[in-house]
C-alpha cells in the first residue's frame, strides 16, 4: 500500500508505493475513504483514488480520529490537535 522500504519522509506528491515512511504509529480512514497515518514526520494522507501521498500537518499524533463533521484529531500524550478541511 505504501512505502518503498526506505526510512524517511520522502515522496510527497507522488505514488505512496514510492514514498519513504518513518515509524508509522496510527492509522485511520476519512469519511471519504482516504487513508491517514501518523509517523515521525507528521500526519500523512494517501488518496485512495490516485494513490498519491501528501503530508497534511507536521504535528504527529499517537492516535488519529475523525469526527462526524470530517475534522481530523491527533491525540499525542496530553495534547489534542484539530486539523480541519483535510477530507
C-alpha atoms as a PDB file:
ATOM      1  CA  UNK A   1       0.000   0.000   0.000  1.00  0.00           C
ATOM      2  CA  UNK A   2       2.692   2.473   0.952  1.00  0.00           C
ATOM      3  CA  UNK A   3       6.391   2.734   1.477  1.00  0.00           C
ATOM      4  CA  UNK A   4       9.368   1.684  -0.571  1.00  0.00           C
ATOM      5  CA  UNK A   5      11.273   0.165   2.342  1.00  0.00           C
ATOM      6  CA  UNK A   6      13.351   3.300   2.864  1.00  0.00           C
ATOM      7  CA  UNK A   7      13.338   5.023   6.240  1.00  0.00           C
ATOM      8  CA  UNK A   8      12.432   8.686   5.751  1.00  0.00           C
ATOM      9  CA  UNK A   9       9.702  11.164   4.971  1.00  0.00           C
ATOM     10  CA  UNK A  10      10.030  11.390   1.205  1.00  0.00           C
ATOM     11  CA  UNK A  11       7.625  11.071  -1.676  1.00  0.00           C
ATOM     12  CA  UNK A  12       5.041  13.824  -1.122  1.00  0.00           C
ATOM     13  CA  UNK A  13       3.055  14.434  -4.283  1.00  0.00           C
ATOM     14  CA  UNK A  14       3.990  11.051  -5.749  1.00  0.00           C
ATOM     15  CA  UNK A  15       2.728   7.478  -5.558  1.00  0.00           C
ATOM     16  CA  UNK A  16       2.581   6.200  -1.973  1.00  0.00           C
ATOM     17  CA  UNK A  17       4.321   2.977  -3.006  1.00  0.00           C
ATOM     18  CA  UNK A  18       7.448   5.042  -3.791  1.00  0.00           C
ATOM     19  CA  UNK A  19       7.466   7.015  -0.512  1.00  0.00           C
ATOM     20  CA  UNK A  20       9.833   6.771   2.416  1.00  0.00           C
ATOM     21  CA  UNK A  21       7.981   6.169   5.694  1.00  0.00           C
ATOM     22  CA  UNK A  22       9.284   6.868   9.201  1.00  0.00           C
ATOM     23  CA  UNK A  23       7.857   4.743  12.055  1.00  0.00           C
ATOM     24  CA  UNK A  24       4.091   4.801  11.368  1.00  0.00           C
ATOM     25  CA  UNK A  25       2.105   4.516  14.604  1.00  0.00           C
ATOM     26  CA  UNK A  26      -1.559   5.308  13.949  1.00  0.00           C
ATOM     27  CA  UNK A  27      -3.911   4.827  11.006  1.00  0.00           C
ATOM     28  CA  UNK A  28      -7.485   5.905  10.278  1.00  0.00           C
ATOM     29  CA  UNK A  29      -9.792   6.444   7.331  1.00  0.00           C
ATOM     30  CA  UNK A  30     -11.543   9.709   6.459  1.00  0.00           C
ATOM     31  CA  UNK A  31     -15.269   9.810   5.707  1.00  0.00           C
ATOM     32  CA  UNK A  32     -14.251   9.936   2.008  1.00  0.00           C
ATOM     33  CA  UNK A  33     -12.246   6.719   2.455  1.00  0.00           C
ATOM     34  CA  UNK A  34      -8.760   8.243   2.243  1.00  0.00           C
ATOM     35  CA  UNK A  35      -6.041   6.796   4.455  1.00  0.00           C
ATOM     36  CA  UNK A  36      -4.398   8.915   7.142  1.00  0.00           C
ATOM     37  CA  UNK A  37      -1.484   7.801   9.274  1.00  0.00           C
ATOM     38  CA  UNK A  38       0.950   9.351  11.680  1.00  0.00           C
ATOM     39  CA  UNK A  39       4.692   8.883  11.512  1.00  0.00           C
ATOM     40  CA  UNK A  40       7.694  10.796  12.826  1.00  0.00           C
ATOM     41  CA  UNK A  41       7.301  13.455  10.118  1.00  0.00           C
ATOM     42  CA  UNK A  42       3.651  14.248  10.881  1.00  0.00           C
ATOM     43  CA  UNK A  43       0.266  13.143   9.597  1.00  0.00           C
ATOM     44  CA  UNK A  44       0.277  11.810   6.046  1.00  0.00           C
ATOM     45  CA  UNK A  45      -2.613  11.148   3.657  1.00  0.00           C
ATOM     46  CA  UNK A  46      -2.962   8.621   0.877  1.00  0.00           C
ATOM     47  CA  UNK A  47      -5.623   9.477  -1.679  1.00  0.00           C
ATOM     48  CA  UNK A  48      -7.340   6.155  -2.430  1.00  0.00           C
ATOM     49  CA  UNK A  49      -8.334   7.297  -5.910  1.00  0.00           C
ATOM     50  CA  UNK A  50      -4.928   8.471  -7.128  1.00  0.00           C
ATOM     51  CA  UNK A  51      -2.546   6.657  -4.743  1.00  0.00           C
ATOM     52  CA  UNK A  52      -0.722   9.944  -4.083  1.00  0.00           C
ATOM     53  CA  UNK A  53       0.762  10.592  -0.638  1.00  0.00           C
ATOM     54  CA  UNK A  54       0.987  14.033   0.987  1.00  0.00           C
ATOM     55  CA  UNK A  55       1.908  15.386   4.406  1.00  0.00           C
ATOM     56  CA  UNK A  56      -1.154  17.037   5.953  1.00  0.00           C
ATOM     57  CA  UNK A  57       0.492  18.509   9.036  1.00  0.00           C
ATOM     58  CA  UNK A  58       3.829  18.349  10.796  1.00  0.00           C
ATOM     59  CA  UNK A  59       2.068  17.587  14.073  1.00  0.00           C
ATOM     60  CA  UNK A  60       2.275  13.910  14.973  1.00  0.00           C
ATOM     61  CA  UNK A  61      -0.403  12.025  16.842  1.00  0.00           C
ATOM     62  CA  UNK A  62      -0.254   8.679  18.579  1.00  0.00           C
ATOM     63  CA  UNK A  63      -3.970   8.288  17.906  1.00  0.00           C
ATOM     64  CA  UNK A  64      -5.857   9.716  14.919  1.00  0.00           C
ATOM     65  CA  UNK A  65      -9.648  10.031  14.678  1.00  0.00           C
ATOM     66  CA  UNK A  66     -12.229  11.794  12.512  1.00  0.00           C
ATOM     67  CA  UNK A  67     -15.404  13.263  13.959  1.00  0.00           C
ATOM     68  CA  UNK A  68     -18.796  13.193  12.224  1.00  0.00           C
ATOM     69  CA  UNK A  69     -18.035  16.529  10.504  1.00  0.00           C
ATOM     70  CA  UNK A  70     -14.834  15.254   8.900  1.00  0.00           C
ATOM     71  CA  UNK A  71     -12.409  17.035  11.252  1.00  0.00           C
ATOM     72  CA  UNK A  72      -9.241  15.105  11.999  1.00  0.00           C
ATOM     73  CA  UNK A  73      -7.948  14.917  15.570  1.00  0.00           C
ATOM     74  CA  UNK A  74      -4.452  13.844  16.531  1.00  0.00           C
ATOM     75  CA  UNK A  75      -4.030  12.906  20.175  1.00  0.00           C
ATOM     76  CA  UNK A  76      -0.490  12.969  21.495  1.00  0.00           C
ATOM     77  CA  UNK A  77       0.054  12.390  25.214  1.00  0.00           C
ATOM     78  CA  UNK A  78      -1.646  15.471  26.741  1.00  0.00           C
ATOM     79  CA  UNK A  79      -2.325  17.495  23.594  1.00  0.00           C
ATOM     80  CA  UNK A  80      -5.230  17.171  21.161  1.00  0.00           C
ATOM     81  CA  UNK A  81      -4.666  18.801  17.776  1.00  0.00           C
ATOM     82  CA  UNK A  82      -7.615  19.522  15.460  1.00  0.00           C
ATOM     83  CA  UNK A  83      -6.984  19.659  11.699  1.00  0.00           C
ATOM     84  CA  UNK A  84      -9.865  20.859   9.517  1.00  0.00           C
ATOM     85  CA  UNK A  85     -10.504  20.629   5.798  1.00  0.00           C
ATOM     86  CA  UNK A  86      -8.436  17.509   5.135  1.00  0.00           C
ATOM     87  CA  UNK A  87     -11.044  15.020   3.944  1.00  0.00           C
END
